[in-house]
N, C-alpha and C. Protein backbone atom coordinates (compact mmCIF):
# COMPACT_ATOMS: atom_id res chain seq x y z
N MET A 1 -6.90 17.41 6.88
CA MET A 1 -7.07 17.52 5.57
C MET A 1 -8.46 17.69 5.16
N HIS A 2 -8.65 18.62 4.31
CA HIS A 2 -9.98 18.80 3.80
C HIS A 2 -10.36 17.71 2.91
N ILE A 3 -11.55 17.14 2.71
CA ILE A 3 -11.92 16.05 1.98
C ILE A 3 -11.92 16.24 0.50
N HIS A 4 -11.95 17.62 0.23
CA HIS A 4 -11.76 17.91 -1.30
C HIS A 4 -10.20 17.78 -1.77
N LYS A 5 -9.29 18.01 -0.85
CA LYS A 5 -7.93 17.88 -1.15
C LYS A 5 -7.60 16.30 -1.27
N TYR A 6 -8.34 15.51 -0.35
CA TYR A 6 -8.13 13.99 -0.53
C TYR A 6 -8.62 13.50 -1.76
N ALA A 7 -9.75 14.12 -2.15
CA ALA A 7 -10.29 13.65 -3.56
C ALA A 7 -9.32 13.95 -4.67
N ASP A 8 -8.61 15.10 -4.55
CA ASP A 8 -7.65 15.48 -5.61
C ASP A 8 -6.47 14.48 -5.60
N LEU A 9 -6.07 13.87 -4.43
CA LEU A 9 -5.03 13.00 -4.40
C LEU A 9 -5.36 11.58 -4.60
N ALA A 10 -6.46 11.16 -4.32
CA ALA A 10 -6.79 9.75 -4.44
C ALA A 10 -7.21 9.31 -5.70
N CYS A 11 -7.07 8.00 -5.97
CA CYS A 11 -7.38 7.48 -7.41
C CYS A 11 -8.63 6.43 -7.00
N PHE A 12 -9.61 6.50 -7.69
CA PHE A 12 -10.80 5.76 -7.41
C PHE A 12 -11.08 4.70 -8.57
N GLN A 13 -11.57 3.60 -7.95
CA GLN A 13 -11.95 2.53 -8.85
C GLN A 13 -13.40 2.08 -8.44
N GLU A 14 -14.31 2.22 -9.45
CA GLU A 14 -15.66 1.80 -9.08
C GLU A 14 -15.76 0.40 -8.90
N ILE A 15 -16.59 -0.21 -8.01
CA ILE A 15 -16.76 -1.62 -7.73
C ILE A 15 -17.76 -2.05 -8.84
N GLY A 16 -17.37 -2.99 -9.36
CA GLY A 16 -18.16 -3.67 -10.61
C GLY A 16 -18.21 -5.08 -10.40
N ILE A 17 -19.01 -5.78 -11.31
CA ILE A 17 -19.12 -7.23 -11.29
C ILE A 17 -17.77 -7.77 -11.90
N GLY A 18 -17.30 -8.59 -11.15
CA GLY A 18 -15.99 -9.20 -11.74
C GLY A 18 -14.72 -8.41 -11.47
N GLY A 19 -14.80 -7.26 -10.72
CA GLY A 19 -13.54 -6.44 -10.74
C GLY A 19 -13.92 -5.02 -10.46
N THR A 20 -13.00 -4.21 -10.88
CA THR A 20 -13.15 -2.68 -10.64
C THR A 20 -12.95 -2.02 -12.00
N LEU A 21 -13.52 -0.77 -12.03
CA LEU A 21 -13.41 0.05 -13.36
C LEU A 21 -12.72 1.29 -12.98
N PRO A 22 -12.02 1.97 -13.81
CA PRO A 22 -11.28 3.23 -13.33
C PRO A 22 -12.27 4.25 -13.44
N ALA A 23 -12.30 5.15 -12.40
CA ALA A 23 -13.44 6.17 -12.23
C ALA A 23 -12.96 7.36 -11.45
N THR A 24 -11.70 7.52 -11.52
CA THR A 24 -11.15 8.68 -10.81
C THR A 24 -11.88 9.97 -10.91
N GLU A 25 -12.02 10.59 -12.03
CA GLU A 25 -12.46 11.80 -12.38
C GLU A 25 -14.00 12.03 -11.91
N GLU A 26 -14.70 10.88 -12.15
CA GLU A 26 -16.12 10.93 -11.70
C GLU A 26 -16.27 11.05 -10.18
N TYR A 27 -15.46 10.32 -9.46
CA TYR A 27 -15.54 10.30 -7.92
C TYR A 27 -14.91 11.55 -7.46
N ARG A 28 -14.06 12.00 -8.03
CA ARG A 28 -13.39 13.41 -7.59
C ARG A 28 -14.50 14.41 -7.61
N GLU A 29 -15.22 14.57 -8.73
CA GLU A 29 -16.20 15.49 -9.00
C GLU A 29 -17.31 15.35 -7.97
N PHE A 30 -17.81 14.00 -7.88
CA PHE A 30 -18.93 13.51 -6.86
C PHE A 30 -18.47 14.08 -5.47
N ILE A 31 -17.23 13.79 -4.94
CA ILE A 31 -16.86 14.23 -3.59
C ILE A 31 -16.77 15.66 -3.47
N LYS A 32 -16.30 16.43 -4.51
CA LYS A 32 -16.21 17.87 -4.39
C LYS A 32 -17.58 18.43 -4.35
N LYS A 33 -18.62 17.83 -4.77
CA LYS A 33 -20.02 18.41 -4.61
C LYS A 33 -20.68 18.29 -3.27
N LEU A 34 -19.95 17.31 -2.54
CA LEU A 34 -20.48 17.00 -1.12
C LEU A 34 -19.92 18.19 0.01
N HIS A 35 -20.71 18.29 0.91
CA HIS A 35 -20.19 19.03 2.10
C HIS A 35 -19.51 18.14 2.91
N PRO A 36 -18.47 18.57 3.52
CA PRO A 36 -17.64 17.70 4.52
C PRO A 36 -18.51 17.09 5.56
N SER A 37 -19.62 17.81 6.06
CA SER A 37 -20.47 17.30 7.09
C SER A 37 -21.25 15.94 6.66
N GLN A 38 -21.25 15.81 5.44
CA GLN A 38 -21.99 14.69 4.86
C GLN A 38 -21.31 13.33 4.98
N PHE A 39 -19.92 13.46 5.46
CA PHE A 39 -19.22 12.25 5.51
C PHE A 39 -19.36 11.74 7.11
N LEU A 40 -19.56 10.35 7.23
CA LEU A 40 -19.68 9.82 8.64
C LEU A 40 -18.36 9.62 9.29
N SER A 41 -17.50 9.31 8.40
CA SER A 41 -16.16 8.98 8.87
C SER A 41 -15.09 10.19 8.92
N GLY A 42 -14.32 10.29 10.00
CA GLY A 42 -13.54 11.50 10.15
C GLY A 42 -12.06 11.26 9.57
N GLY A 43 -11.84 10.16 8.79
CA GLY A 43 -10.52 10.01 8.35
C GLY A 43 -10.29 8.60 7.77
N ILE A 44 -8.94 8.41 7.49
CA ILE A 44 -8.47 7.06 7.01
C ILE A 44 -7.44 6.61 7.95
N ARG A 45 -7.37 5.33 8.29
CA ARG A 45 -6.30 4.85 9.24
C ARG A 45 -5.65 3.65 8.62
N ALA A 46 -4.19 3.55 8.70
CA ALA A 46 -3.58 2.49 8.19
C ALA A 46 -2.54 2.08 9.13
N THR A 47 -2.03 0.78 9.04
CA THR A 47 -0.87 0.37 10.02
C THR A 47 0.38 0.30 9.06
N LEU A 48 1.38 0.79 9.66
CA LEU A 48 2.72 0.74 9.12
C LEU A 48 3.48 -0.38 9.54
N TYR A 49 3.92 -1.13 8.58
CA TYR A 49 4.69 -2.40 8.95
C TYR A 49 6.15 -2.31 8.49
N GLU A 50 7.02 -2.86 9.27
CA GLU A 50 8.42 -3.03 8.87
C GLU A 50 8.63 -4.41 8.46
N VAL A 51 9.23 -4.51 7.31
CA VAL A 51 9.50 -6.01 6.79
C VAL A 51 11.07 -6.13 6.75
N SER A 52 11.64 -7.03 7.50
CA SER A 52 13.05 -7.32 7.47
C SER A 52 13.23 -8.58 6.73
N TYR A 53 14.26 -8.52 5.70
CA TYR A 53 14.43 -9.69 4.82
C TYR A 53 15.87 -9.95 4.52
N SER A 54 16.06 -11.15 4.10
CA SER A 54 17.47 -11.38 3.58
C SER A 54 17.38 -11.84 2.18
N TYR A 55 18.50 -11.77 1.50
CA TYR A 55 18.49 -12.07 0.05
C TYR A 55 19.91 -12.34 -0.34
N MET A 56 20.10 -12.99 -1.47
CA MET A 56 21.37 -13.23 -2.22
C MET A 56 21.49 -12.35 -3.41
N THR A 57 22.71 -11.68 -3.52
CA THR A 57 22.95 -10.79 -4.66
C THR A 57 23.37 -11.71 -5.75
N ILE A 58 23.45 -11.18 -6.97
CA ILE A 58 23.83 -11.85 -8.16
C ILE A 58 25.27 -12.50 -8.09
N ARG A 59 25.95 -11.77 -7.31
CA ARG A 59 27.46 -12.30 -6.96
C ARG A 59 27.58 -13.25 -5.85
N GLY A 60 26.41 -13.72 -5.31
CA GLY A 60 26.38 -14.69 -4.28
C GLY A 60 26.59 -14.22 -2.80
N ASN A 61 26.57 -12.78 -2.65
CA ASN A 61 26.79 -12.24 -1.27
C ASN A 61 25.39 -12.19 -0.60
N GLY A 62 25.49 -12.48 0.61
CA GLY A 62 24.18 -12.52 1.53
C GLY A 62 24.01 -11.13 1.98
N ARG A 63 22.78 -10.58 1.96
CA ARG A 63 22.48 -9.27 2.50
C ARG A 63 21.19 -9.30 3.24
N THR A 64 20.95 -8.31 4.16
CA THR A 64 19.71 -8.12 4.77
C THR A 64 19.39 -6.72 4.50
N ALA A 65 17.86 -6.58 4.53
CA ALA A 65 17.44 -5.10 4.13
C ALA A 65 16.02 -4.98 4.88
N LYS A 66 15.54 -3.90 4.76
CA LYS A 66 14.19 -3.52 5.28
C LYS A 66 13.23 -2.84 4.16
N LYS A 67 11.94 -3.20 4.30
CA LYS A 67 11.05 -2.46 3.40
C LYS A 67 9.84 -2.30 4.38
N TYR A 68 8.96 -1.33 3.74
CA TYR A 68 7.81 -0.77 4.58
C TYR A 68 6.59 -0.94 3.88
N ALA A 69 5.50 -1.24 4.59
CA ALA A 69 4.12 -1.32 3.92
C ALA A 69 3.04 -0.60 4.77
N LEU A 70 2.10 -0.11 4.19
CA LEU A 70 0.87 0.50 4.71
C LEU A 70 -0.34 -0.30 4.50
N LEU A 71 -1.00 -0.74 5.39
CA LEU A 71 -2.21 -1.68 5.13
C LEU A 71 -3.43 -1.19 6.08
N ASN A 72 -4.54 -1.55 5.54
CA ASN A 72 -5.80 -1.27 6.40
C ASN A 72 -5.62 -2.03 7.75
N PRO A 73 -5.81 -1.26 8.84
CA PRO A 73 -5.61 -1.97 10.09
C PRO A 73 -6.60 -3.22 10.42
N ASP A 74 -7.74 -3.27 9.66
CA ASP A 74 -8.55 -4.38 9.92
C ASP A 74 -8.29 -5.46 8.93
N HIS A 75 -7.31 -5.31 8.19
CA HIS A 75 -7.03 -6.45 7.17
C HIS A 75 -6.57 -7.84 7.91
N GLU A 76 -7.41 -8.75 7.69
CA GLU A 76 -7.37 -10.01 8.43
C GLU A 76 -6.07 -10.92 8.14
N GLU A 77 -5.72 -10.76 6.76
CA GLU A 77 -4.60 -11.64 6.33
C GLU A 77 -3.34 -10.52 6.01
N ALA A 78 -3.02 -9.65 6.89
CA ALA A 78 -1.98 -8.69 6.64
C ALA A 78 -0.62 -9.29 6.40
N TYR A 79 -0.19 -10.41 7.00
CA TYR A 79 0.96 -11.01 6.88
C TYR A 79 1.08 -11.62 5.47
N ILE A 80 -0.07 -12.33 5.06
CA ILE A 80 -0.06 -12.87 3.80
C ILE A 80 0.01 -11.87 2.63
N GLU A 81 -0.69 -10.75 2.79
CA GLU A 81 -0.70 -9.62 1.90
C GLU A 81 0.85 -9.07 1.80
N ILE A 82 1.35 -8.87 2.85
CA ILE A 82 2.75 -8.43 2.93
C ILE A 82 3.70 -9.36 2.10
N GLU A 83 3.53 -10.73 2.38
CA GLU A 83 4.33 -11.75 1.46
C GLU A 83 3.93 -11.53 0.08
N MET A 84 2.82 -11.35 -0.33
CA MET A 84 2.53 -11.28 -1.79
C MET A 84 2.95 -10.00 -2.34
N GLN A 85 3.07 -8.86 -1.45
CA GLN A 85 3.53 -7.67 -2.15
C GLN A 85 5.19 -7.72 -2.17
N MET A 86 5.69 -8.52 -1.24
CA MET A 86 7.12 -8.66 -1.26
C MET A 86 7.60 -9.55 -2.51
N SER A 87 6.77 -10.59 -2.67
CA SER A 87 7.03 -11.42 -3.85
C SER A 87 6.86 -10.69 -5.25
N ASN A 88 5.94 -9.77 -5.28
CA ASN A 88 5.68 -8.98 -6.57
C ASN A 88 6.90 -7.88 -6.53
N TRP A 89 7.30 -7.37 -5.51
CA TRP A 89 8.47 -6.44 -5.53
C TRP A 89 9.64 -7.07 -5.97
N VAL A 90 10.02 -8.36 -5.57
CA VAL A 90 11.20 -9.06 -6.10
C VAL A 90 11.03 -9.29 -7.55
N GLU A 91 9.87 -9.79 -7.96
CA GLU A 91 9.70 -10.05 -9.46
C GLU A 91 9.87 -8.81 -10.21
N ASN A 92 9.38 -7.66 -9.96
CA ASN A 92 9.42 -6.46 -10.54
C ASN A 92 10.96 -5.90 -10.55
N HIS A 93 11.58 -6.07 -9.46
CA HIS A 93 12.98 -5.63 -9.31
C HIS A 93 13.85 -6.43 -10.23
N ASN A 94 13.69 -7.73 -10.33
CA ASN A 94 14.60 -8.57 -11.04
C ASN A 94 14.29 -8.42 -12.56
N ALA A 95 13.07 -7.94 -12.85
CA ALA A 95 12.72 -7.71 -14.38
C ALA A 95 13.27 -6.47 -14.80
N LYS A 96 13.38 -5.49 -13.93
CA LYS A 96 13.78 -4.15 -14.31
C LYS A 96 15.23 -4.03 -14.30
N ARG A 97 15.87 -4.72 -13.41
CA ARG A 97 17.26 -4.77 -13.10
C ARG A 97 18.01 -6.03 -13.17
N PRO A 98 17.94 -6.65 -14.33
CA PRO A 98 18.58 -8.05 -14.39
C PRO A 98 20.06 -8.06 -13.98
N TYR A 99 20.85 -7.05 -14.04
CA TYR A 99 22.17 -6.97 -13.79
C TYR A 99 22.39 -6.78 -12.22
N ARG A 100 21.32 -6.54 -11.45
CA ARG A 100 21.19 -6.61 -10.01
C ARG A 100 20.22 -7.60 -9.39
N MET A 101 19.99 -8.52 -10.09
CA MET A 101 18.93 -9.61 -9.58
C MET A 101 19.32 -10.14 -8.20
N ILE A 102 18.31 -10.38 -7.44
CA ILE A 102 18.29 -10.91 -6.11
C ILE A 102 17.53 -12.24 -6.14
N SER A 103 17.93 -13.10 -5.28
CA SER A 103 17.41 -14.38 -5.19
C SER A 103 17.37 -14.87 -3.77
N ASN A 104 16.75 -15.92 -3.55
CA ASN A 104 16.57 -16.52 -2.05
C ASN A 104 15.98 -15.54 -1.20
N VAL A 105 15.05 -14.69 -1.43
CA VAL A 105 14.52 -13.70 -0.55
C VAL A 105 13.70 -14.46 0.46
N THR A 106 13.94 -14.23 1.72
CA THR A 106 13.38 -14.70 2.83
C THR A 106 12.93 -13.64 3.85
N ILE A 107 11.70 -13.59 4.21
CA ILE A 107 11.19 -12.63 5.11
C ILE A 107 11.56 -13.12 6.47
N LEU A 108 12.52 -12.19 7.20
CA LEU A 108 12.84 -12.56 8.49
C LEU A 108 11.82 -12.21 9.68
N GLU A 109 11.20 -11.06 9.45
CA GLU A 109 10.22 -10.57 10.49
C GLU A 109 9.40 -9.54 9.84
N ILE A 110 8.04 -9.52 10.28
CA ILE A 110 7.15 -8.48 9.85
C ILE A 110 6.58 -7.83 11.15
N LYS A 111 6.83 -6.61 11.34
CA LYS A 111 6.62 -6.01 12.69
C LYS A 111 5.75 -4.75 12.49
N PRO A 112 4.56 -4.67 13.11
CA PRO A 112 3.79 -3.52 12.95
C PRO A 112 4.53 -2.30 13.83
N LEU A 113 4.59 -1.12 13.18
CA LEU A 113 5.38 -0.01 13.94
C LEU A 113 4.46 1.05 14.39
N ALA A 114 3.40 1.51 13.60
CA ALA A 114 2.72 2.53 13.94
C ALA A 114 1.32 2.61 13.28
N PHE A 115 0.50 3.34 13.72
CA PHE A 115 -0.87 3.62 13.02
C PHE A 115 -0.70 5.00 12.41
N ALA A 116 -1.03 5.09 11.03
CA ALA A 116 -0.96 6.29 10.20
C ALA A 116 -2.43 6.79 10.10
N ASN A 117 -2.66 8.01 10.34
CA ASN A 117 -3.95 8.54 10.26
C ASN A 117 -4.05 9.90 9.29
N ILE A 118 -5.05 9.92 8.58
CA ILE A 118 -5.39 11.18 7.87
C ILE A 118 -6.68 11.61 8.33
N ARG A 119 -6.82 12.66 8.95
CA ARG A 119 -8.00 13.15 9.55
C ARG A 119 -8.70 14.21 8.55
N PHE A 120 -10.04 13.99 8.45
CA PHE A 120 -10.64 15.05 7.53
C PHE A 120 -11.26 16.11 8.49
N GLU A 121 -11.43 17.32 7.95
CA GLU A 121 -11.94 18.46 8.52
C GLU A 121 -13.42 18.33 8.24
N ILE A 122 -14.18 18.11 9.43
CA ILE A 122 -15.55 18.02 9.28
C ILE A 122 -16.28 19.12 10.04
């Protein structure tokens, strides 16, 4: 992938004191002014995880299902991050679909499946 195409697809947040600031357009223009040979890294790598979980439906039926997550391969707390993402997903799911609420969500297994790579043309 050409680095300029990546810039078109990515959303950027500038690092600031106490948080981040939206800065997508500024950094898209900045990256497009650079030559690909100015980049030290040749791409982006992520780990694909499979998350097996169980839950109870609103009618009291037990179910199992799977979700998937992409995380930085150097993430020291990958399992904790996945647990937090799963908790946020359940909360959002229940808020958007009260007629299909789920409860007693338990992560059964978190398994790394593969590494995903986006290579840049340098």
